[in-house]
Each structure stands twice: as structure tokens, then as C-alpha cells.
Amino acid sequence: MKFKAFLTDNGINLLEKRILPALDKMGKICHLYFTRDHAFFLHNLLNADGVQSVAQFKQQSLFHDYRISSQNDDKIAFCIDLSLLHRALRSILAIYVESRDFNSSGLQIKLVKKLPPHSTQPMPFLTFEAKGHKSAVVQDVPISKPLSRADVQELQLALESAQEMPATLVRAPELNSLQSFVDRMKHVGDVMGVSISKCGDLHLQISTTLITLGAEFRKLMVLGERADGVVGDEGLSAQTRIERAVQRGDAMNVQVSVKHFFKSLQCSLARPDAAFYGIAPQGACLIVIFQFFVPGTRQTDKSISLHCRLPVLDPGSN
């Protein structure tokens, strides 16, 4: 089992400034999964009780001189502490950037086995290394034992299942304002109702015995299945409009944890260009897809994808 590659300048910037800060908010521990063509950061894919997140990168978007081999169809996966990974990357970058001794080949990342101090058993590490003419800097990040063939297959099946997309997606309003609103809502209650219509309406609501607090965002951009608004609905309340849309089959609603919803918004630290909300078939989960553009364009960057799946607290209706 071997893996080594050099981080590109774009890969360094993407990981250090955007992706790792965002993913660290999703959870301290994740699976790092390498294949011949992609690198994945996977949260909670083998658990059903937390927010699942999938960050996927074409290997060329992060690395050059990418080499991987294993007896498991060149697939390698392990658990890693993201805070330690981020700290090691920042630490070696601080030295690498300030020193002129290091050559231009860049930062190498590789899997190694080393004997830790006061131990008789070699342990696996993900190692960053910068080599110079007179010196070298190494940062080791401890990882779990690489997953077995059966465990990698289980992770791969969970990943394929997590790629299922909703029939309708609506583009979210500006993420900072949405985050500010949800931040206020989380002090009201623990459960949030989320309704999404094919007309492009997103409705958020928290209800308690004393108060109901909600927000409605109308006529948002729709991807996938869509429907025209019904004449006469304009004068109705948001709640009545959504209920009628659900009865017609033009909307779905689910209930999710306010904490989970707020946590998914932490992906805004990755500085996506847009976000879309949708509800999986049969109301299985709430899905948030973050969109990235090719720098300087309005075209989707297909080398990067990031989405979250929030477990529902109620089957919802469709």
C-alpha cells in the first residue's frame, strides 16, 4: 500500500484557507479516502445520526505527481483528525514559505509507517515533507490503521448512496444572512421545519407552545423538477401556500435539528459561490449542495464538490 503526491499551489490554498476550516466545523474526525482519480473527505457516512458531508476533489485539483497503489483496486482510506491535519499543514507552510532553501518541487504528502517514541510497534502517519538543498522539514499526522478491503467497500457503497440527489433543488439566499437568521432561531427551539416547493419557495419555521418563528424565501432559482405558481395563492399565508403545494405534490417538507442545520451552514467557510437545498426522495433527508465556480467565470468547477445530508426527525410528507 503506497501513496505519495505533491500538493499544488492551488491545492495548498484550497485546503489551508477554505476546505479544512470548513470541514473541521463538521466534525473533528473524518475518513480520508483516496482513489486513482479522486480524494474524498467523508464525515459520518457510516453513521445515521449526524450530519453527513462529502467533499470530493479530482486529484489534479490538489496534487501533481500523484501516485497510489494498493491491493484493493488502488483505493486507500483511513480516519484522520482534521484539526491535527490543518495544524501540520499550517506549520510546515510557515517554514516552507519563509525559507529560500527549499526547492520548487513543492510540499510532498505521503503515507508512512514510523516507530513513535516509547513504542515498539510502528504506527501509520500521513506525512508532509519539504526538502531543501541543506535541510528538510517533516510534519507527521497520526492516522488510523488503513481500512480493510471489506471496510473500504462498505465506505464506497455508503458514498454511492450519499450521491443520490433530490428531484428539485432551490438556490439558497445569501449564506451569511441565512446563517444570521438561523443563529437567532436556534435560541427559540431545537426542531426546524423545512419546506421546499417546485415553484422555488424555501420555508423555514420553528414552533413552540409560545411562539412561531419563520422565514420564507420566494421565487428562488430552481434546478430539476419545477412547477408554476397557482393563481390565487399570492394572497395566502406562507403556511397555507406550502400546505396546498404539498397536497398537489409540488412541495415537500421535513423536520431537522436546528443544530444540524446551523452546522451545515459552517461550510460557508469554504467560500462556495452558491448553495442549493433539496429534499431526498421519500423525505429521507435534507440535502445542501455547495457550488463552486471556476475562478473568474460563472461556470461550475466540476473538479470540486461539497454537499451535506441532514437526517430528518420526522418522515415529512410528499
C-alpha atoms as a PDB file:
ATOM      1  CA  MET A   1       0.000   0.000   0.000  1.00  0.00           C
ATOM      2  CA  LYS A   2       1.625   3.236  -1.171  1.00  0.00           C
ATOM      3  CA  PHE A   3       0.519   6.819  -1.586  1.00  0.00           C
ATOM      4  CA  LYS A   4       2.522   9.949  -2.302  1.00  0.00           C
ATOM      5  CA  ALA A   5       1.948  13.181  -4.180  1.00  0.00           C
ATOM      6  CA  PHE A   6       2.958  16.830  -4.289  1.00  0.00           C
ATOM      7  CA  LEU A   7       0.448  19.497  -3.332  1.00  0.00           C
ATOM      8  CA  THR A   8      -0.134  22.137  -5.990  1.00  0.00           C
ATOM      9  CA  ASP A   9      -0.229  25.824  -5.015  1.00  0.00           C
ATOM     10  CA  ASN A  10      -3.963  25.760  -5.695  1.00  0.00           C
ATOM     11  CA  GLY A  11      -4.330  22.637  -3.560  1.00  0.00           C
ATOM     12  CA  ILE A  12      -2.423  24.221  -0.671  1.00  0.00           C
ATOM     13  CA  ASN A  13      -4.555  27.367  -0.773  1.00  0.00           C
ATOM     14  CA  LEU A  14      -7.795  25.430  -1.145  1.00  0.00           C
ATOM     15  CA  LEU A  15      -7.087  23.103   1.769  1.00  0.00           C
ATOM     16  CA  GLU A  16      -5.465  25.541   4.177  1.00  0.00           C
ATOM     17  CA  LYS A  17      -7.681  28.600   3.668  1.00  0.00           C
ATOM     18  CA  ARG A  18     -11.066  27.108   2.793  1.00  0.00           C
ATOM     19  CA  ILE A  19     -11.751  23.384   2.916  1.00  0.00           C
ATOM     20  CA  LEU A  20     -10.086  22.306   6.175  1.00  0.00           C
ATOM     21  CA  PRO A  21     -11.505  25.213   8.247  1.00  0.00           C
ATOM     22  CA  ALA A  22     -14.995  24.362   6.974  1.00  0.00           C
ATOM     23  CA  LEU A  23     -14.741  20.595   7.403  1.00  0.00           C
ATOM     24  CA  ASP A  24     -13.265  20.919  10.892  1.00  0.00           C
ATOM     25  CA  LYS A  25     -16.574  22.539  11.912  1.00  0.00           C
ATOM     26  CA  MET A  26     -18.436  19.489  10.634  1.00  0.00           C
ATOM     27  CA  GLY A  27     -16.565  17.160  12.954  1.00  0.00           C
ATOM     28  CA  LYS A  28     -13.084  16.566  14.293  1.00  0.00           C
ATOM     29  CA  ILE A  29     -12.655  13.087  12.793  1.00  0.00           C
ATOM     30  CA  CYS A  30     -13.371  12.109   9.192  1.00  0.00           C
ATOM     31  CA  HIS A  31     -12.443   9.466   6.654  1.00  0.00           C
ATOM     32  CA  LEU A  32      -9.833  10.490   4.101  1.00  0.00           C
ATOM     33  CA  TYR A  33     -10.347   8.308   1.045  1.00  0.00           C
ATOM     34  CA  PHE A  34      -8.028   8.191  -1.969  1.00  0.00           C
ATOM     35  CA  THR A  35      -8.719   6.506  -5.311  1.00  0.00           C
ATOM     36  CA  ARG A  36      -6.867   6.694  -8.621  1.00  0.00           C
ATOM     37  CA  ASP A  37      -8.814   9.780  -9.683  1.00  0.00           C
ATOM     38  CA  HIS A  38     -10.227  11.427  -6.564  1.00  0.00           C
ATOM     39  CA  ALA A  39      -9.645  12.425  -2.957  1.00  0.00           C
ATOM     40  CA  PHE A  40     -12.598  12.467  -0.548  1.00  0.00           C
ATOM     41  CA  PHE A  41     -13.152  13.886   2.932  1.00  0.00           C
ATOM     42  CA  LEU A  42     -16.125  11.964   4.370  1.00  0.00           C
ATOM     43  CA  HIS A  43     -17.999  12.723   7.603  1.00  0.00           C
ATOM     44  CA  ASN A  44     -20.420  10.288   9.253  1.00  0.00           C
ATOM     45  CA  LEU A  45     -21.085   8.219   6.146  1.00  0.00           C
ATOM     46  CA  LEU A  46     -21.226   5.061   8.235  1.00  0.00           C
ATOM     47  CA  ASN A  47     -23.481   6.672  10.871  1.00  0.00           C
ATOM     48  CA  ALA A  48     -27.133   7.630  10.550  1.00  0.00           C
ATOM     49  CA  ASP A  49     -27.422  10.023  13.485  1.00  0.00           C
ATOM     50  CA  GLY A  50     -25.341  13.037  12.433  1.00  0.00           C
ATOM     51  CA  VAL A  51     -24.761  15.425   9.559  1.00  0.00           C
ATOM     52  CA  GLN A  52     -23.091  13.618   6.676  1.00  0.00           C
ATOM     53  CA  SER A  53     -20.738  15.609   4.488  1.00  0.00           C
ATOM     54  CA  VAL A  54     -18.956  14.638   1.277  1.00  0.00           C
ATOM     55  CA  ALA A  55     -16.114  16.761  -0.089  1.00  0.00           C
ATOM     56  CA  GLN A  56     -14.811  15.388  -3.380  1.00  0.00           C
ATOM     57  CA  PHE A  57     -11.827  16.575  -5.419  1.00  0.00           C
ATOM     58  CA  LYS A  58     -10.361  15.437  -8.690  1.00  0.00           C
ATOM     59  CA  GLN A  59      -6.795  14.580  -7.778  1.00  0.00           C
ATOM     60  CA  GLN A  60      -5.428  17.135 -10.283  1.00  0.00           C
ATOM     61  CA  SER A  61      -7.160  19.951  -8.376  1.00  0.00           C
ATOM     62  CA  LEU A  62      -4.998  19.256  -5.299  1.00  0.00           C
ATOM     63  CA  PHE A  63      -1.931  17.313  -6.425  1.00  0.00           C
ATOM     64  CA  HIS A  64       0.665  16.677  -9.097  1.00  0.00           C
ATOM     65  CA  ASP A  65       2.882  13.586  -9.442  1.00  0.00           C
ATOM     66  CA  TYR A  66       0.043  11.653  -7.799  1.00  0.00           C
ATOM     67  CA  ARG A  67       0.908   8.008  -7.149  1.00  0.00           C
ATOM     68  CA  ILE A  68      -1.255   5.440  -5.404  1.00  0.00           C
ATOM     69  CA  SER A  69      -1.198   1.663  -5.258  1.00  0.00           C
ATOM     70  CA  SER A  70      -2.891  -0.926  -3.090  1.00  0.00           C
ATOM     71  CA  GLN A  71      -4.164  -4.465  -3.376  1.00  0.00           C
ATOM     72  CA  ASN A  72      -7.677  -3.034  -3.054  1.00  0.00           C
ATOM     73  CA  ASP A  73      -8.010  -1.680  -6.612  1.00  0.00           C
ATOM     74  CA  ASP A  74      -5.729   1.238  -5.705  1.00  0.00           C
ATOM     75  CA  LYS A  75      -8.095   2.526  -3.010  1.00  0.00           C
ATOM     76  CA  ILE A  76      -6.860   3.675   0.414  1.00  0.00           C
ATOM     77  CA  ALA A  77      -8.968   5.017   3.288  1.00  0.00           C
ATOM     78  CA  PHE A  78      -8.300   5.858   6.930  1.00  0.00           C
ATOM     79  CA  CYS A  79      -9.566   8.073   9.751  1.00  0.00           C
ATOM     80  CA  ILE A  80      -7.787  11.337  10.485  1.00  0.00           C
ATOM     81  CA  ASP A  81      -8.099  14.232  12.944  1.00  0.00           C
ATOM     82  CA  LEU A  82      -8.762  17.311  10.809  1.00  0.00           C
ATOM     83  CA  SER A  83      -7.502  19.768  13.427  1.00  0.00           C
ATOM     84  CA  LEU A  84      -4.142  17.950  13.513  1.00  0.00           C
ATOM     85  CA  LEU A  85      -4.040  17.830   9.715  1.00  0.00           C
ATOM     86  CA  HIS A  86      -4.751  21.553   9.449  1.00  0.00           C
ATOM     87  CA  ARG A  87      -2.192  22.414  12.137  1.00  0.00           C
ATOM     88  CA  ALA A  88       0.519  20.332  10.455  1.00  0.00           C
ATOM     89  CA  LEU A  89      -0.154  21.935   7.076  1.00  0.00           C
ATOM     90  CA  ARG A  90      -0.024  25.460   8.510  1.00  0.00           C
ATOM     91  CA  SER A  91       3.128  24.689  10.464  1.00  0.00           C
ATOM     92  CA  ILE A  92       5.108  23.339   7.523  1.00  0.00           C
ATOM     93  CA  LEU A  93       3.844  26.145   5.278  1.00  0.00           C
ATOM     94  CA  ALA A  94       5.123  28.772   7.713  1.00  0.00           C
ATOM     95  CA  ILE A  95       8.641  27.349   7.380  1.00  0.00           C
ATOM     96  CA  TYR A  96       8.371  26.498   3.685  1.00  0.00           C
ATOM     97  CA  VAL A  97       7.253  29.977   2.631  1.00  0.00           C
ATOM     98  CA  GLU A  98       9.884  31.831   4.704  1.00  0.00           C
ATOM     99  CA  SER A  99      12.887  29.743   3.656  1.00  0.00           C
ATOM    100  CA  ARG A 100      14.697  30.071   0.344  1.00  0.00           C
ATOM    101  CA  ASP A 101      16.477  26.784   0.877  1.00  0.00           C
ATOM    102  CA  PHE A 102      13.564  24.640  -0.279  1.00  0.00           C
ATOM    103  CA  ASN A 103      13.338  23.721  -3.941  1.00  0.00           C
ATOM    104  CA  SER A 104      10.384  24.480  -6.150  1.00  0.00           C
ATOM    105  CA  SER A 105       9.031  20.929  -6.337  1.00  0.00           C
ATOM    106  CA  GLY A 106       6.654  21.804  -3.505  1.00  0.00           C
ATOM    107  CA  LEU A 107       5.244  20.023  -0.499  1.00  0.00           C
ATOM    108  CA  GLN A 108       5.129  16.263  -0.642  1.00  0.00           C
ATOM    109  CA  ILE A 109       2.414  14.314   1.152  1.00  0.00           C
ATOM    110  CA  LYS A 110       2.736  10.568   1.681  1.00  0.00           C
ATOM    111  CA  LEU A 111       1.748   7.597   3.805  1.00  0.00           C
ATOM    112  CA  VAL A 112       4.498   6.214   6.017  1.00  0.00           C
ATOM    113  CA  LYS A 113       4.965   3.869   8.958  1.00  0.00           C
ATOM    114  CA  LYS A 114       7.157   5.084  11.807  1.00  0.00           C
ATOM    115  CA  LEU A 115       8.116   3.990  15.271  1.00  0.00           C
ATOM    116  CA  PRO A 116       6.738   6.566  17.732  1.00  0.00           C
ATOM    117  CA  PRO A 117       8.751   7.436  20.869  1.00  0.00           C
ATOM    118  CA  HIS A 118       8.408   4.902  23.690  1.00  0.00           C
ATOM    119  CA  SER A 119       6.710   2.406  21.377  1.00  0.00           C
ATOM    120  CA  THR A 120       7.759  -0.929  19.944  1.00  0.00           C
ATOM    121  CA  GLN A 121       5.050  -1.009  17.275  1.00  0.00           C
ATOM    122  CA  PRO A 122       5.263   1.014  14.026  1.00  0.00           C
ATOM    123  CA  MET A 123       2.289   3.312  13.508  1.00  0.00           C
ATOM    124  CA  PRO A 124       0.824   4.812  10.296  1.00  0.00           C
ATOM    125  CA  PHE A 125       1.191   8.543   9.595  1.00  0.00           C
ATOM    126  CA  LEU A 126       0.266  10.968   6.856  1.00  0.00           C
ATOM    127  CA  THR A 127       3.452  12.972   6.417  1.00  0.00           C
ATOM    128  CA  PHE A 128       4.142  16.389   4.923  1.00  0.00           C
ATOM    129  CA  GLU A 129       7.707  16.909   3.736  1.00  0.00           C
ATOM    130  CA  ALA A 130       9.525  19.883   2.229  1.00  0.00           C
ATOM    131  CA  LYS A 131      13.071  19.195   1.041  1.00  0.00           C
ATOM    132  CA  GLY A 132      15.796  21.775   0.519  1.00  0.00           C
ATOM    133  CA  HIS A 133      19.425  21.763  -0.549  1.00  0.00           C
ATOM    134  CA  LYS A 134      20.641  21.768   3.037  1.00  0.00           C
ATOM    135  CA  SER A 135      17.634  20.789   5.108  1.00  0.00           C
ATOM    136  CA  ALA A 136      14.234  19.134   5.195  1.00  0.00           C
ATOM    137  CA  VAL A 137      11.109  19.788   7.247  1.00  0.00           C
ATOM    138  CA  VAL A 138       8.724  16.988   8.155  1.00  0.00           C
ATOM    139  CA  GLN A 139       5.314  17.088   9.834  1.00  0.00           C
ATOM    140  CA  ASP A 140       3.690  13.781  10.806  1.00  0.00           C
ATOM    141  CA  VAL A 141      -0.059  13.441  11.321  1.00  0.00           C
ATOM    142  CA  PRO A 142      -1.149  10.230  13.073  1.00  0.00           C
ATOM    143  CA  ILE A 143      -3.898   8.299  11.309  1.00  0.00           C
ATOM    144  CA  SER A 144      -5.899   5.165  11.980  1.00  0.00           C
ATOM    145  CA  LYS A 145      -4.889   1.836  10.580  1.00  0.00           C
ATOM    146  CA  PRO A 146      -5.917   1.883   6.893  1.00  0.00           C
ATOM    147  CA  LEU A 147      -9.317   0.320   6.330  1.00  0.00           C
ATOM    148  CA  SER A 148      -9.545  -3.305   5.248  1.00  0.00           C
ATOM    149  CA  ARG A 149     -10.870  -4.320   1.851  1.00  0.00           C
ATOM    150  CA  ALA A 150     -14.315  -5.028   3.359  1.00  0.00           C
ATOM    151  CA  ASP A 151     -14.396  -1.698   5.210  1.00  0.00           C
ATOM    152  CA  VAL A 152     -13.352   0.228   2.093  1.00  0.00           C
ATOM    153  CA  GLN A 153     -16.125  -1.486   0.163  1.00  0.00           C
ATOM    154  CA  GLU A 154     -18.630  -0.507   2.857  1.00  0.00           C
ATOM    155  CA  LEU A 155     -17.393   3.092   2.697  1.00  0.00           C
ATOM    156  CA  GLN A 156     -17.619   3.086  -1.119  1.00  0.00           C
ATOM    157  CA  LEU A 157     -21.220   1.812  -1.016  1.00  0.00           C
ATOM    158  CA  ALA A 158     -22.124   4.470   1.556  1.00  0.00           C
ATOM    159  CA  LEU A 159     -20.518   7.102  -0.671  1.00  0.00           C
ATOM    160  CA  GLU A 160     -22.516   5.957  -3.696  1.00  0.00           C
ATOM    161  CA  SER A 161     -25.704   6.045  -1.624  1.00  0.00           C
ATOM    162  CA  ALA A 162     -24.870   9.557  -0.405  1.00  0.00           C
ATOM    163  CA  GLN A 163     -24.623  10.791  -4.007  1.00  0.00           C
ATOM    164  CA  GLU A 164     -28.387  10.428  -4.548  1.00  0.00           C
ATOM    165  CA  MET A 165     -29.761  13.830  -5.483  1.00  0.00           C
ATOM    166  CA  PRO A 166     -33.226  15.373  -4.935  1.00  0.00           C
ATOM    167  CA  ALA A 167     -35.601  15.822  -7.877  1.00  0.00           C
ATOM    168  CA  THR A 168     -35.891  19.551  -7.079  1.00  0.00           C
ATOM    169  CA  LEU A 169     -33.223  21.935  -5.832  1.00  0.00           C
ATOM    170  CA  VAL A 170     -33.737  25.606  -4.948  1.00  0.00           C
ATOM    171  CA  ARG A 171     -30.914  28.102  -4.752  1.00  0.00           C
ATOM    172  CA  ALA A 172     -30.479  29.381  -1.204  1.00  0.00           C
ATOM    173  CA  PRO A 173     -30.422  33.070  -0.381  1.00  0.00           C
ATOM    174  CA  GLU A 174     -27.121  34.700   0.615  1.00  0.00           C
ATOM    175  CA  LEU A 175     -25.499  32.331   3.122  1.00  0.00           C
ATOM    176  CA  ASN A 176     -24.382  34.942   5.653  1.00  0.00           C
ATOM    177  CA  SER A 177     -27.905  36.312   6.065  1.00  0.00           C
ATOM    178  CA  LEU A 178     -29.301  32.771   6.286  1.00  0.00           C
ATOM    179  CA  GLN A 179     -26.707  31.896   8.913  1.00  0.00           C
ATOM    180  CA  SER A 180     -27.567  35.009  10.945  1.00  0.00           C
ATOM    181  CA  PHE A 181     -31.270  34.142  10.803  1.00  0.00           C
ATOM    182  CA  VAL A 182     -30.743  30.524  11.883  1.00  0.00           C
ATOM    183  CA  ASP A 183     -28.416  31.701  14.649  1.00  0.00           C
ATOM    184  CA  ARG A 184     -31.352  33.637  16.115  1.00  0.00           C
ATOM    185  CA  MET A 185     -33.765  30.754  15.545  1.00  0.00           C
ATOM    186  CA  LYS A 186     -31.663  28.232  17.463  1.00  0.00           C
ATOM    187  CA  HIS A 187     -32.485  30.053  20.710  1.00  0.00           C
ATOM    188  CA  VAL A 188     -36.214  29.504  20.116  1.00  0.00           C
ATOM    189  CA  GLY A 189     -36.353  25.729  19.682  1.00  0.00           C
ATOM    190  CA  ASP A 190     -34.487  22.567  18.724  1.00  0.00           C
ATOM    191  CA  VAL A 191     -36.510  21.447  15.693  1.00  0.00           C
ATOM    192  CA  MET A 192     -36.880  23.275  12.376  1.00  0.00           C
ATOM    193  CA  GLY A 193     -39.457  22.593   9.704  1.00  0.00           C
ATOM    194  CA  VAL A 194     -38.065  22.958   6.176  1.00  0.00           C
ATOM    195  CA  SER A 195     -40.376  23.127   3.163  1.00  0.00           C
ATOM    196  CA  ILE A 196     -39.242  23.289  -0.460  1.00  0.00           C
ATOM    197  CA  SER A 197     -41.554  23.776  -3.438  1.00  0.00           C
ATOM    198  CA  LYS A 198     -41.064  23.247  -7.160  1.00  0.00           C
ATOM    199  CA  CYS A 199     -42.092  26.898  -7.590  1.00  0.00           C
ATOM    200  CA  GLY A 200     -38.819  27.959  -5.932  1.00  0.00           C
ATOM    201  CA  ASP A 201     -40.048  28.619  -2.391  1.00  0.00           C
ATOM    202  CA  LEU A 202     -37.957  27.799   0.687  1.00  0.00           C
ATOM    203  CA  HIS A 203     -39.785  28.000   4.012  1.00  0.00           C
ATOM    204  CA  LEU A 204     -38.107  27.653   7.438  1.00  0.00           C
ATOM    205  CA  GLN A 205     -40.099  27.518  10.658  1.00  0.00           C
ATOM    206  CA  ILE A 206     -39.648  26.800  14.354  1.00  0.00           C
ATOM    207  CA  SER A 207     -42.753  26.406  16.509  1.00  0.00           C
ATOM    208  CA  THR A 208     -43.119  26.091  20.266  1.00  0.00           C
ATOM    209  CA  THR A 209     -46.147  26.342  22.530  1.00  0.00           C
ATOM    210  CA  LEU A 210     -45.391  30.038  22.996  1.00  0.00           C
ATOM    211  CA  ILE A 211     -44.014  31.256  19.677  1.00  0.00           C
ATOM    212  CA  THR A 212     -43.749  30.508  15.991  1.00  0.00           C
ATOM    213  CA  LEU A 213     -40.819  31.988  14.106  1.00  0.00           C
ATOM    214  CA  GLY A 214     -40.354  31.526  10.400  1.00  0.00           C
ATOM    215  CA  ALA A 215     -38.888  32.864   7.187  1.00  0.00           C
ATOM    216  CA  GLU A 216     -39.963  32.431   3.597  1.00  0.00           C
ATOM    217  CA  PHE A 217     -37.763  32.912   0.541  1.00  0.00           C
ATOM    218  CA  ARG A 218     -39.796  33.007  -2.664  1.00  0.00           C
ATOM    219  CA  LYS A 219     -39.185  32.536  -6.376  1.00  0.00           C
ATOM    220  CA  LEU A 220     -35.664  31.222  -5.974  1.00  0.00           C
ATOM    221  CA  MET A 221     -33.778  29.600  -8.839  1.00  0.00           C
ATOM    222  CA  VAL A 222     -34.962  26.007  -9.377  1.00  0.00           C
ATOM    223  CA  LEU A 223     -32.925  23.102 -10.735  1.00  0.00           C
ATOM    224  CA  GLY A 224     -34.637  19.867 -11.741  1.00  0.00           C
ATOM    225  CA  GLU A 225     -38.399  19.396 -11.483  1.00  0.00           C
ATOM    226  CA  ARG A 226     -40.304  22.673 -11.308  1.00  0.00           C
ATOM    227  CA  ALA A 227     -43.897  23.881 -11.297  1.00  0.00           C
ATOM    228  CA  ASP A 228     -45.703  27.139 -11.962  1.00  0.00           C
ATOM    229  CA  GLY A 229     -47.356  29.028  -9.128  1.00  0.00           C
ATOM    230  CA  VAL A 230     -51.118  28.660  -8.743  1.00  0.00           C
ATOM    231  CA  VAL A 231     -53.326  31.663  -9.416  1.00  0.00           C
ATOM    232  CA  GLY A 232     -54.891  32.866  -6.185  1.00  0.00           C
ATOM    233  CA  ASP A 233     -52.090  31.628  -3.918  1.00  0.00           C
ATOM    234  CA  GLU A 234     -50.456  35.061  -3.719  1.00  0.00           C
ATOM    235  CA  GLY A 235     -52.822  36.334  -1.045  1.00  0.00           C
ATOM    236  CA  LEU A 236     -52.473  33.261   1.176  1.00  0.00           C
ATOM    237  CA  SER A 237     -50.189  32.888   4.173  1.00  0.00           C
ATOM    238  CA  ALA A 238     -46.865  31.125   3.658  1.00  0.00           C
ATOM    239  CA  GLN A 239     -48.028  28.168   5.752  1.00  0.00           C
ATOM    240  CA  THR A 240     -51.252  27.714   3.738  1.00  0.00           C
ATOM    241  CA  ARG A 241     -49.407  28.065   0.438  1.00  0.00           C
ATOM    242  CA  ILE A 242     -46.908  25.356   1.390  1.00  0.00           C
ATOM    243  CA  GLU A 243     -49.633  23.020   2.687  1.00  0.00           C
ATOM    244  CA  ARG A 244     -51.523  23.331  -0.608  1.00  0.00           C
ATOM    245  CA  ALA A 245     -48.341  22.767  -2.608  1.00  0.00           C
ATOM    246  CA  VAL A 246     -47.643  19.605  -0.584  1.00  0.00           C
ATOM    247  CA  GLN A 247     -51.183  18.345  -1.273  1.00  0.00           C
ATOM    248  CA  ARG A 248     -50.677  18.938  -5.025  1.00  0.00           C
ATOM    249  CA  GLY A 249     -47.339  17.115  -4.972  1.00  0.00           C
ATOM    250  CA  ASP A 250     -45.469  20.325  -5.771  1.00  0.00           C
ATOM    251  CA  ALA A 251     -43.642  20.591  -2.418  1.00  0.00           C
ATOM    252  CA  MET A 252     -42.104  18.504   0.340  1.00  0.00           C
ATOM    253  CA  ASN A 253     -41.413  19.228   3.980  1.00  0.00           C
ATOM    254  CA  VAL A 254     -39.247  17.662   6.659  1.00  0.00           C
ATOM    255  CA  GLN A 255     -38.162  18.413  10.193  1.00  0.00           C
ATOM    256  CA  VAL A 256     -34.476  18.610  11.086  1.00  0.00           C
ATOM    257  CA  SER A 257     -32.366  19.551  14.077  1.00  0.00           C
ATOM    258  CA  VAL A 258     -31.652  23.285  14.280  1.00  0.00           C
ATOM    259  CA  LYS A 259     -28.102  22.425  15.404  1.00  0.00           C
ATOM    260  CA  HIS A 260     -27.620  20.223  12.331  1.00  0.00           C
ATOM    261  CA  PHE A 261     -28.923  22.949  10.034  1.00  0.00           C
ATOM    262  CA  PHE A 262     -26.608  25.520  11.607  1.00  0.00           C
ATOM    263  CA  LYS A 263     -23.645  23.131  11.406  1.00  0.00           C
ATOM    264  CA  SER A 264     -24.195  22.586   7.679  1.00  0.00           C
ATOM    265  CA  LEU A 265     -24.001  26.357   7.175  1.00  0.00           C
ATOM    266  CA  GLN A 266     -20.433  26.295   8.522  1.00  0.00           C
ATOM    267  CA  CYS A 267     -19.471  25.045   5.061  1.00  0.00           C
ATOM    268  CA  SER A 268     -19.699  28.707   4.066  1.00  0.00           C
ATOM    269  CA  LEU A 269     -16.121  28.887   5.424  1.00  0.00           C
ATOM    270  CA  ALA A 270     -15.144  27.045   2.216  1.00  0.00           C
ATOM    271  CA  ARG A 271     -16.376  30.166   0.378  1.00  0.00           C
ATOM    272  CA  PRO A 272     -18.725  28.466  -2.100  1.00  0.00           C
ATOM    273  CA  ASP A 273     -20.301  30.629  -4.788  1.00  0.00           C
ATOM    274  CA  ALA A 274     -23.818  29.299  -4.223  1.00  0.00           C
ATOM    275  CA  ALA A 275     -25.809  26.755  -2.208  1.00  0.00           C
ATOM    276  CA  PHE A 276     -28.870  24.702  -3.132  1.00  0.00           C
ATOM    277  CA  TYR A 277     -31.397  22.962  -0.877  1.00  0.00           C
ATOM    278  CA  GLY A 278     -33.429  19.879  -1.713  1.00  0.00           C
ATOM    279  CA  ILE A 279     -35.264  17.019  -0.028  1.00  0.00           C
ATOM    280  CA  ALA A 280     -34.349  13.439  -0.917  1.00  0.00           C
ATOM    281  CA  PRO A 281     -36.992  11.047  -2.294  1.00  0.00           C
ATOM    282  CA  GLN A 282     -39.491   9.880   0.345  1.00  0.00           C
ATOM    283  CA  GLY A 283     -38.248  12.711   2.575  1.00  0.00           C
ATOM    284  CA  ALA A 284     -35.226  10.612   3.572  1.00  0.00           C
ATOM    285  CA  CYS A 285     -33.012  13.623   4.387  1.00  0.00           C
ATOM    286  CA  LEU A 286     -32.419  17.316   3.713  1.00  0.00           C
ATOM    287  CA  ILE A 287     -29.582  17.905   1.241  1.00  0.00           C
ATOM    288  CA  VAL A 288     -27.440  21.023   0.892  1.00  0.00           C
ATOM    289  CA  ILE A 289     -25.219  21.264  -2.193  1.00  0.00           C
ATOM    290  CA  PHE A 290     -22.495  23.895  -2.342  1.00  0.00           C
ATOM    291  CA  GLN A 291     -21.484  25.138  -5.772  1.00  0.00           C
ATOM    292  CA  PHE A 292     -18.042  26.419  -6.749  1.00  0.00           C
ATOM    293  CA  PHE A 293     -17.295  28.404  -9.899  1.00  0.00           C
ATOM    294  CA  VAL A 294     -14.163  28.283 -11.991  1.00  0.00           C
ATOM    295  CA  PRO A 295     -12.306  31.432 -10.817  1.00  0.00           C
ATOM    296  CA  GLY A 296     -13.223  34.467 -12.919  1.00  0.00           C
ATOM    297  CA  THR A 297     -16.245  32.770 -14.523  1.00  0.00           C
ATOM    298  CA  ARG A 298     -19.834  31.747 -13.770  1.00  0.00           C
ATOM    299  CA  GLN A 299     -19.152  28.161 -14.823  1.00  0.00           C
ATOM    300  CA  THR A 300     -19.353  25.353 -12.279  1.00  0.00           C
ATOM    301  CA  ASP A 301     -15.969  23.978 -11.249  1.00  0.00           C
ATOM    302  CA  LYS A 302     -16.549  20.260 -11.745  1.00  0.00           C
ATOM    303  CA  SER A 303     -13.259  19.348 -10.075  1.00  0.00           C
ATOM    304  CA  ILE A 304     -14.703  20.213  -6.626  1.00  0.00           C
ATOM    305  CA  SER A 305     -17.953  19.188  -4.980  1.00  0.00           C
ATOM    306  CA  LEU A 306     -19.232  19.561  -1.429  1.00  0.00           C
ATOM    307  CA  HIS A 307     -22.601  18.590  -0.024  1.00  0.00           C
ATOM    308  CA  CYS A 308     -24.249  17.756   3.299  1.00  0.00           C
ATOM    309  CA  ARG A 309     -27.089  15.415   4.197  1.00  0.00           C
ATOM    310  CA  LEU A 310     -29.095  16.264   7.311  1.00  0.00           C
ATOM    311  CA  PRO A 311     -31.037  13.423   8.967  1.00  0.00           C
ATOM    312  CA  VAL A 312     -34.768  14.095   9.363  1.00  0.00           C
ATOM    313  CA  LEU A 313     -36.502  13.944  12.716  1.00  0.00           C
ATOM    314  CA  ASP A 314     -39.828  13.214  11.054  1.00  0.00           C
ATOM    315  CA  PRO A 315     -40.589  11.331   7.811  1.00  0.00           C
ATOM    316  CA  GLY A 316     -42.216  14.512   6.468  1.00  0.00           C
ATOM    317  CA  SER A 317     -44.765  14.421   3.681  1.00  0.00           C
ATOM    318  CA  ASN A 318     -44.587  14.418  -0.071  1.00  0.00           C
END
